[in-house]
Amino acid sequence: DLEANGIPSVGVATTEFIDAAAVQSKALGTDPAYVFVPHPVQDRTDDELKQMADDHLEAILALLVKQKH
């Protein structure tokens, strides 16, 4: 558990998993940081995946520095 050891983390998943993440978070009583990217990713080219990462990097970094250690 990274966060239990003082290492902030952010989950990255596709929009297909928004509802599942909410249900799981509620069931576990947690409020994890997530960034959701467009679904699907398996048929994307390397360049498309790199662009997607660039497009979401700011949101991921913002959540990492927002979290309490």
PDB file of N, CA and C in Angstrom:
ATOM      1  N   ASP A   1       0.844  -1.179   0.000  1.00  0.00           N
ATOM      2  CA  ASP A   1       0.000   0.000   0.000  1.00  0.00           C
ATOM      3  C   ASP A   1       0.884   1.235   0.000  1.00  0.00           C
ATOM      4  N   LEU A   2       1.022   1.843  -1.152  1.00  0.00           N
ATOM      5  CA  LEU A   2       1.914   2.991  -1.301  1.00  0.00           C
ATOM      6  C   LEU A   2       1.554   4.128  -0.350  1.00  0.00           C
ATOM      7  N   GLU A   3       0.273   4.497  -0.322  1.00  0.00           N
ATOM      8  CA  GLU A   3      -0.126   5.638   0.497  1.00  0.00           C
ATOM      9  C   GLU A   3       0.093   5.386   1.983  1.00  0.00           C
ATOM     10  N   ALA A   4      -0.085   4.168   2.438  1.00  0.00           N
ATOM     11  CA  ALA A   4       0.172   3.842   3.844  1.00  0.00           C
ATOM     12  C   ALA A   4       1.645   4.033   4.188  1.00  0.00           C
ATOM     13  N   ASN A   5       2.493   3.975   3.169  1.00  0.00           N
ATOM     14  CA  ASN A   5       3.926   4.184   3.364  1.00  0.00           C
ATOM     15  C   ASN A   5       4.366   5.599   2.998  1.00  0.00           C
ATOM     16  N   GLY A   6       3.398   6.510   2.882  1.00  0.00           N
ATOM     17  CA  GLY A   6       3.722   7.908   2.624  1.00  0.00           C
ATOM     18  C   GLY A   6       4.006   8.249   1.173  1.00  0.00           C
ATOM     19  N   ILE A   7       3.669   7.354   0.263  1.00  0.00           N
ATOM     20  CA  ILE A   7       3.902   7.599  -1.154  1.00  0.00           C
ATOM     21  C   ILE A   7       2.553   7.878  -1.821  1.00  0.00           C
ATOM     22  N   PRO A   8       2.315   9.117  -2.236  1.00  0.00           N
ATOM     23  CA  PRO A   8       1.026   9.432  -2.853  1.00  0.00           C
ATOM     24  C   PRO A   8       0.847   8.689  -4.170  1.00  0.00           C
ATOM     25  N   SER A   9      -0.400   8.390  -4.485  1.00  0.00           N
ATOM     26  CA  SER A   9      -0.682   7.678  -5.728  1.00  0.00           C
ATOM     27  C   SER A   9      -1.979   8.180  -6.336  1.00  0.00           C
ATOM     28  N   VAL A  10      -2.091   7.985  -7.640  1.00  0.00           N
ATOM     29  CA  VAL A  10      -3.284   8.343  -8.393  1.00  0.00           C
ATOM     30  C   VAL A  10      -3.593   7.184  -9.330  1.00  0.00           C
ATOM     31  N   GLY A  11      -4.831   6.719  -9.273  1.00  0.00           N
ATOM     32  CA  GLY A  11      -5.252   5.675 -10.186  1.00  0.00           C
ATOM     33  C   GLY A  11      -5.592   6.275 -11.538  1.00  0.00           C
ATOM     34  N   VAL A  12      -5.196   5.603 -12.589  1.00  0.00           N
ATOM     35  CA  VAL A  12      -5.539   6.030 -13.942  1.00  0.00           C
ATOM     36  C   VAL A  12      -6.292   4.879 -14.589  1.00  0.00           C
ATOM     37  N   ALA A  13      -7.506   5.167 -15.032  1.00  0.00           N
ATOM     38  CA  ALA A  13      -8.339   4.153 -15.664  1.00  0.00           C
ATOM     39  C   ALA A  13      -9.135   4.816 -16.776  1.00  0.00           C
ATOM     40  N   THR A  14      -9.752   3.991 -17.606  1.00  0.00           N
ATOM     41  CA  THR A  14     -10.564   4.563 -18.670  1.00  0.00           C
ATOM     42  C   THR A  14     -11.965   4.880 -18.144  1.00  0.00           C
ATOM     43  N   THR A  15     -12.653   5.699 -18.894  1.00  0.00           N
ATOM     44  CA  THR A  15     -13.991   6.132 -18.510  1.00  0.00           C
ATOM     45  C   THR A  15     -14.964   4.969 -18.378  1.00  0.00           C
ATOM     46  N   GLU A  16     -14.647   3.844 -18.958  1.00  0.00           N
ATOM     47  CA  GLU A  16     -15.487   2.653 -18.834  1.00  0.00           C
ATOM     48  C   GLU A  16     -15.610   2.206 -17.372  1.00  0.00           C
ATOM     49  N   PHE A  17     -14.657   2.591 -16.539  1.00  0.00           N
ATOM     50  CA  PHE A  17     -14.591   2.099 -15.170  1.00  0.00           C
ATOM     51  C   PHE A  17     -14.994   3.136 -14.118  1.00  0.00           C
ATOM     52  N   ILE A  18     -15.576   4.234 -14.527  1.00  0.00           N
ATOM     53  CA  ILE A  18     -15.984   5.269 -13.567  1.00  0.00           C
ATOM     54  C   ILE A  18     -16.965   4.709 -12.545  1.00  0.00           C
ATOM     55  N   ASP A  19     -18.031   4.076 -13.004  1.00  0.00           N
ATOM     56  CA  ASP A  19     -19.035   3.549 -12.079  1.00  0.00           C
ATOM     57  C   ASP A  19     -18.462   2.457 -11.183  1.00  0.00           C
ATOM     58  N   ALA A  20     -17.673   1.572 -11.747  1.00  0.00           N
ATOM     59  CA  ALA A  20     -17.082   0.485 -10.962  1.00  0.00           C
ATOM     60  C   ALA A  20     -16.148   1.039  -9.890  1.00  0.00           C
ATOM     61  N   ALA A  21     -15.390   2.065 -10.218  1.00  0.00           N
ATOM     62  CA  ALA A  21     -14.489   2.673  -9.239  1.00  0.00           C
ATOM     63  C   ALA A  21     -15.283   3.309  -8.099  1.00  0.00           C
ATOM     64  N   ALA A  22     -16.388   3.955  -8.436  1.00  0.00           N
ATOM     65  CA  ALA A  22     -17.223   4.579  -7.406  1.00  0.00           C
ATOM     66  C   ALA A  22     -17.828   3.526  -6.477  1.00  0.00           C
ATOM     67  N   VAL A  23     -18.329   2.435  -7.034  1.00  0.00           N
ATOM     68  CA  VAL A  23     -18.917   1.366  -6.231  1.00  0.00           C
ATOM     69  C   VAL A  23     -17.864   0.737  -5.324  1.00  0.00           C
ATOM     70  N   GLN A  24     -16.697   0.457  -5.880  1.00  0.00           N
ATOM     71  CA  GLN A  24     -15.629  -0.158  -5.094  1.00  0.00           C
ATOM     72  C   GLN A  24     -15.150   0.780  -3.994  1.00  0.00           C
ATOM     73  N   SER A  25     -15.007   2.047  -4.308  1.00  0.00           N
ATOM     74  CA  SER A  25     -14.570   3.021  -3.305  1.00  0.00           C
ATOM     75  C   SER A  25     -15.573   3.104  -2.161  1.00  0.00           C
ATOM     76  N   LYS A  26     -16.854   3.126  -2.499  1.00  0.00           N
ATOM     77  CA  LYS A  26     -17.901   3.189  -1.472  1.00  0.00           C
ATOM     78  C   LYS A  26     -17.878   1.927  -0.614  1.00  0.00           C
ATOM     79  N   ALA A  27     -17.748   0.770  -1.245  1.00  0.00           N
ATOM     80  CA  ALA A  27     -17.733  -0.494  -0.521  1.00  0.00           C
ATOM     81  C   ALA A  27     -16.561  -0.577   0.453  1.00  0.00           C
ATOM     82  N   LEU A  28     -15.430  -0.003   0.052  1.00  0.00           N
ATOM     83  CA  LEU A  28     -14.230  -0.040   0.891  1.00  0.00           C
ATOM     84  C   LEU A  28     -14.134   1.142   1.849  1.00  0.00           C
ATOM     85  N   GLY A  29     -15.017   2.119   1.677  1.00  0.00           N
ATOM     86  CA  GLY A  29     -14.974   3.308   2.533  1.00  0.00           C
ATOM     87  C   GLY A  29     -13.754   4.167   2.272  1.00  0.00           C
ATOM     88  N   THR A  30     -13.341   4.216   1.027  1.00  0.00           N
ATOM     89  CA  THR A  30     -12.166   5.009   0.660  1.00  0.00           C
ATOM     90  C   THR A  30     -12.548   6.082  -0.353  1.00  0.00           C
ATOM     91  N   ASP A  31     -11.647   7.013  -0.528  1.00  0.00           N
ATOM     92  CA  ASP A  31     -11.852   8.074  -1.521  1.00  0.00           C
ATOM     93  C   ASP A  31     -10.551   8.263  -2.298  1.00  0.00           C
ATOM     94  N   PRO A  32     -10.208   7.280  -3.127  1.00  0.00           N
ATOM     95  CA  PRO A  32      -8.928   7.366  -3.838  1.00  0.00           C
ATOM     96  C   PRO A  32      -8.950   8.427  -4.937  1.00  0.00           C
ATOM     97  N   ALA A  33      -7.774   8.886  -5.271  1.00  0.00           N
ATOM     98  CA  ALA A  33      -7.619   9.837  -6.370  1.00  0.00           C
ATOM     99  C   ALA A  33      -7.585   9.055  -7.680  1.00  0.00           C
ATOM    100  N   TYR A  34      -8.431   9.478  -8.606  1.00  0.00           N
ATOM    101  CA  TYR A  34      -8.483   8.850  -9.929  1.00  0.00           C
ATOM    102  C   TYR A  34      -8.454   9.914 -11.006  1.00  0.00           C
ATOM    103  N   VAL A  35      -7.855   9.556 -12.124  1.00  0.00           N
ATOM    104  CA  VAL A  35      -7.971  10.321 -13.358  1.00  0.00           C
ATOM    105  C   VAL A  35      -8.472   9.328 -14.406  1.00  0.00           C
ATOM    106  N   PHE A  36      -9.550   9.695 -15.060  1.00  0.00           N
ATOM    107  CA  PHE A  36     -10.128   8.818 -16.076  1.00  0.00           C
ATOM    108  C   PHE A  36      -9.808   9.350 -17.465  1.00  0.00           C
ATOM    109  N   VAL A  37      -9.341   8.443 -18.307  1.00  0.00           N
ATOM    110  CA  VAL A  37      -8.962   8.779 -19.679  1.00  0.00           C
ATOM    111  C   VAL A  37      -9.972   8.141 -20.628  1.00  0.00           C
ATOM    112  N   PRO A  38     -10.036   8.607 -21.872  1.00  0.00           N
ATOM    113  CA  PRO A  38     -10.995   8.053 -22.821  1.00  0.00           C
ATOM    114  C   PRO A  38     -10.811   6.546 -23.039  1.00  0.00           C
ATOM    115  N   HIS A  39     -11.928   5.886 -23.186  1.00  0.00           N
ATOM    116  CA  HIS A  39     -11.964   4.447 -23.436  1.00  0.00           C
ATOM    117  C   HIS A  39     -12.232   4.225 -24.916  1.00  0.00           C
ATOM    118  N   PRO A  40     -11.682   3.233 -25.525  1.00  0.00           N
ATOM    119  CA  PRO A  40     -10.708   2.251 -25.057  1.00  0.00           C
ATOM    120  C   PRO A  40      -9.276   2.727 -25.307  1.00  0.00           C
ATOM    121  N   VAL A  41      -8.333   2.004 -24.733  1.00  0.00           N
ATOM    122  CA  VAL A  41      -6.930   2.334 -24.981  1.00  0.00           C
ATOM    123  C   VAL A  41      -6.190   1.240 -25.747  1.00  0.00           C
ATOM    124  N   GLN A  42      -6.724   0.025 -25.758  1.00  0.00           N
ATOM    125  CA  GLN A  42      -5.965  -1.090 -26.324  1.00  0.00           C
ATOM    126  C   GLN A  42      -5.700  -0.964 -27.821  1.00  0.00           C
ATOM    127  N   ASP A  43      -6.519  -0.182 -28.535  1.00  0.00           N
ATOM    128  CA  ASP A  43      -6.291  -0.063 -29.978  1.00  0.00           C
ATOM    129  C   ASP A  43      -5.592   1.237 -30.361  1.00  0.00           C
ATOM    130  N   ARG A  44      -5.070   1.941 -29.374  1.00  0.00           N
ATOM    131  CA  ARG A  44      -4.386   3.218 -29.642  1.00  0.00           C
ATOM    132  C   ARG A  44      -2.942   2.968 -30.064  1.00  0.00           C
ATOM    133  N   THR A  45      -2.452   3.870 -30.889  1.00  0.00           N
ATOM    134  CA  THR A  45      -1.043   3.800 -31.281  1.00  0.00           C
ATOM    135  C   THR A  45      -0.182   4.335 -30.138  1.00  0.00           C
ATOM    136  N   ASP A  46       1.101   4.078 -30.221  1.00  0.00           N
ATOM    137  CA  ASP A  46       2.015   4.616 -29.214  1.00  0.00           C
ATOM    138  C   ASP A  46       1.927   6.138 -29.153  1.00  0.00           C
ATOM    139  N   ASP A  47       1.854   6.773 -30.314  1.00  0.00           N
ATOM    140  CA  ASP A  47       1.766   8.233 -30.341  1.00  0.00           C
ATOM    141  C   ASP A  47       0.478   8.730 -29.696  1.00  0.00           C
ATOM    142  N   GLU A  48      -0.625   8.027 -29.938  1.00  0.00           N
ATOM    143  CA  GLU A  48      -1.891   8.409 -29.316  1.00  0.00           C
ATOM    144  C   GLU A  48      -1.835   8.248 -27.793  1.00  0.00           C
ATOM    145  N   LEU A  49      -1.221   7.180 -27.330  1.00  0.00           N
ATOM    146  CA  LEU A  49      -1.087   6.965 -25.892  1.00  0.00           C
ATOM    147  C   LEU A  49      -0.188   8.020 -25.257  1.00  0.00           C
ATOM    148  N   LYS A  50       0.873   8.377 -25.938  1.00  0.00           N
ATOM    149  CA  LYS A  50       1.744   9.441 -25.421  1.00  0.00           C
ATOM    150  C   LYS A  50       0.998  10.759 -25.342  1.00  0.00           C
ATOM    151  N   GLN A  51       0.181  11.055 -26.336  1.00  0.00           N
ATOM    152  CA  GLN A  51      -0.603  12.283 -26.318  1.00  0.00           C
ATOM    153  C   GLN A  51      -1.635  12.249 -25.190  1.00  0.00           C
ATOM    154  N   MET A  52      -2.249  11.106 -24.995  1.00  0.00           N
ATOM    155  CA  MET A  52      -3.212  10.958 -23.905  1.00  0.00           C
ATOM    156  C   MET A  52      -2.529  11.194 -22.553  1.00  0.00           C
ATOM    157  N   ALA A  53      -1.341  10.643 -22.395  1.00  0.00           N
ATOM    158  CA  ALA A  53      -0.588  10.852 -21.156  1.00  0.00           C
ATOM    159  C   ALA A  53      -0.268  12.334 -20.984  1.00  0.00           C
ATOM    160  N   ASP A  54       0.182  12.974 -22.027  1.00  0.00           N
ATOM    161  CA  ASP A  54       0.464  14.417 -21.962  1.00  0.00           C
ATOM    162  C   ASP A  54      -0.793  15.207 -21.610  1.00  0.00           C
ATOM    163  N   ASP A  55      -1.923  14.826 -22.184  1.00  0.00           N
ATOM    164  CA  ASP A  55      -3.176  15.536 -21.953  1.00  0.00           C
ATOM    165  C   ASP A  55      -3.654  15.429 -20.514  1.00  0.00           C
ATOM    166  N   HIS A  56      -3.291  14.361 -19.822  1.00  0.00           N
ATOM    167  CA  HIS A  56      -3.784  14.124 -18.464  1.00  0.00           C
ATOM    168  C   HIS A  56      -2.719  14.300 -17.385  1.00  0.00           C
ATOM    169  N   LEU A  57      -1.500  14.593 -17.783  1.00  0.00           N
ATOM    170  CA  LEU A  57      -0.407  14.720 -16.825  1.00  0.00           C
ATOM    171  C   LEU A  57      -0.672  15.795 -15.779  1.00  0.00           C
ATOM    172  N   GLU A  58      -1.177  16.938 -16.189  1.00  0.00           N
ATOM    173  CA  GLU A  58      -1.425  18.030 -15.243  1.00  0.00           C
ATOM    174  C   GLU A  58      -2.424  17.612 -14.166  1.00  0.00           C
ATOM    175  N   ALA A  59      -3.473  16.923 -14.540  1.00  0.00           N
ATOM    176  CA  ALA A  59      -4.474  16.462 -13.579  1.00  0.00           C
ATOM    177  C   ALA A  59      -3.878  15.445 -12.608  1.00  0.00           C
ATOM    178  N   ILE A  60      -3.050  14.558 -13.121  1.00  0.00           N
ATOM    179  CA  ILE A  60      -2.410  13.552 -12.276  1.00  0.00           C
ATOM    180  C   ILE A  60      -1.473  14.223 -11.282  1.00  0.00           C
ATOM    181  N   LEU A  61      -0.644  15.123 -11.765  1.00  0.00           N
ATOM    182  CA  LEU A  61       0.292  15.822 -10.883  1.00  0.00           C
ATOM    183  C   LEU A  61      -0.441  16.634  -9.824  1.00  0.00           C
ATOM    184  N   ALA A  62      -1.527  17.291 -10.218  1.00  0.00           N
ATOM    185  CA  ALA A  62      -2.303  18.087  -9.262  1.00  0.00           C
ATOM    186  C   ALA A  62      -2.832  17.220  -8.128  1.00  0.00           C
ATOM    187  N   LEU A  63      -3.302  16.026  -8.458  1.00  0.00           N
ATOM    188  CA  LEU A  63      -3.795  15.118  -7.417  1.00  0.00           C
ATOM    189  C   LEU A  63      -2.666  14.581  -6.549  1.00  0.00           C
ATOM    190  N   LEU A  64      -1.508  14.353  -7.131  1.00  0.00           N
ATOM    191  CA  LEU A  64      -0.377  13.861  -6.348  1.00  0.00           C
ATOM    192  C   LEU A  64       0.073  14.878  -5.301  1.00  0.00           C
ATOM    193  N   VAL A  65       0.124  16.130  -5.662  1.00  0.00           N
ATOM    194  CA  VAL A  65       0.608  17.122  -4.699  1.00  0.00           C
ATOM    195  C   VAL A  65      -0.489  17.576  -3.751  1.00  0.00           C
ATOM    196  N   LYS A  66      -1.744  17.317  -4.087  1.00  0.00           N
ATOM    197  CA  LYS A  66      -2.861  17.683  -3.231  1.00  0.00           C
ATOM    198  C   LYS A  66      -3.000  16.740  -2.043  1.00  0.00           C
ATOM    199  N   GLN A  67      -2.604  15.489  -2.228  1.00  0.00           N
ATOM    200  CA  GLN A  67      -2.809  14.468  -1.206  1.00  0.00           C
ATOM    201  C   GLN A  67      -1.943  14.721   0.014  1.00  0.00           C
ATOM    202  N   LYS A  68      -2.490  14.328   1.157  1.00  0.00           N
ATOM    203  CA  LYS A  68      -1.750  14.404   2.412  1.00  0.00           C
ATOM    204  C   LYS A  68      -0.860  13.191   2.524  1.00  0.00           C
ATOM    205  N   HIS A  69       0.309  13.391   3.065  1.00  0.00           N
ATOM    206  CA  HIS A  69       1.256  12.269   3.209  1.00  0.00           C
ATOM    207  C   HIS A  69       1.068  11.621   4.531  1.00  0.00           C
TER     208      HIS A  69
END
